[in-house]
Amino acid sequence: MANLRQEFIAFSVNAGVIKFGSFITKAGRNSPYFFNAGLFNDGANLGKLAAFYADTLINSGIEFNMLFGPAYKGITLASATAVALAARGRNVPFAYNRKEAKDHGEGGTIVGAKLEGKVVIIDDVISAGTSVRESVDMIRAAGATPCAVLIALDRMEHSGKDDALSEHSAVQEVSQSYGIPVVSIGNLNDLFDYLSSAGADTPLAEHQTAVAAYRSKYGAVSN
C-alpha cells in the first residue's frame, strides 16, 4: 500500500495534477500545493488514475456492490473505476446523479444502475463535505446503503477558518457524521514523504519546507 500511495503521488506530480506554488483554497488559505483531478484529462492518464482507485478499493477490504459518482467530477471517476475493477475480475454496476432532474425519458436525477446494496461513493477530494452529504441522502433515499467514500487525495487539514479551526479534518468529519470509512489513494503525509525523498538538488526540494510549514499549521492527525 505504501508503494501504491507513493506511486500515485509521483504520477500526480508528473501529470501536472499536483502543482506547487501559491494557491488560495476554498477556506481562504494560502496553500503551497494544489490538486486538480480535472487535469487527468486524457485517456492514458484517466486509465492510470482509475487503476489507482480500483487497487485502493480492493486493498481496503471494504465490501461493496456498486459505485456512485456525484456530479460532476465523480461521474467520470466512478465510470472509469468500474472499468478498471472489471479488468481486475470485479464487474460491478455504477450510477451517478444529474444536477437537475429530467422531466422526460426515464426522468429523475439518477442515471445508470439502480442504487441498491452497499454503495461506494467515488470523488476526487473532500472539502466541505457537501457532495458527500448529498450523495448519502440520495443513496439512502433509494433504499441502498452508503458503505464508504473513496477519494484521490486527503489534504489532512483542519476544516474551518483560521480563527475558528474545527477539531477534525473535513474527511474525519464526514466519516464521523455518517459512520462510514473514507479511503484515500494518497494524502498530505504521502506528498511530504515524496518531497522528502527527492534529492536536495532537484526542483522539488524547494517545496518541502513550504509544505512542512503548511502541514504544521493546518494538519490534522490522521484517522
Foldseek 3Di string as FASTA:
>chain_A
DLVLQLVLLVLCVVLVQKDADWDQDPLRDTARIHGDPVSCPDDVSLLVLLLLLLVQVVVVVFDAAAEEAEPDQRVSNRVSVQVNNVVVVHHHWYKYFAPDWDPDDVTDTIDTDQQAEEYEYEDAEFAQCPRVVVVQVVSVVSVHHHAEYEHAEYAQFFHHHLVDTDQGHNQVVNCVVRVHYYHYSYYLVSNLVSLVPDDCPDPSVVSNVSSVVVCVRTHHDDD
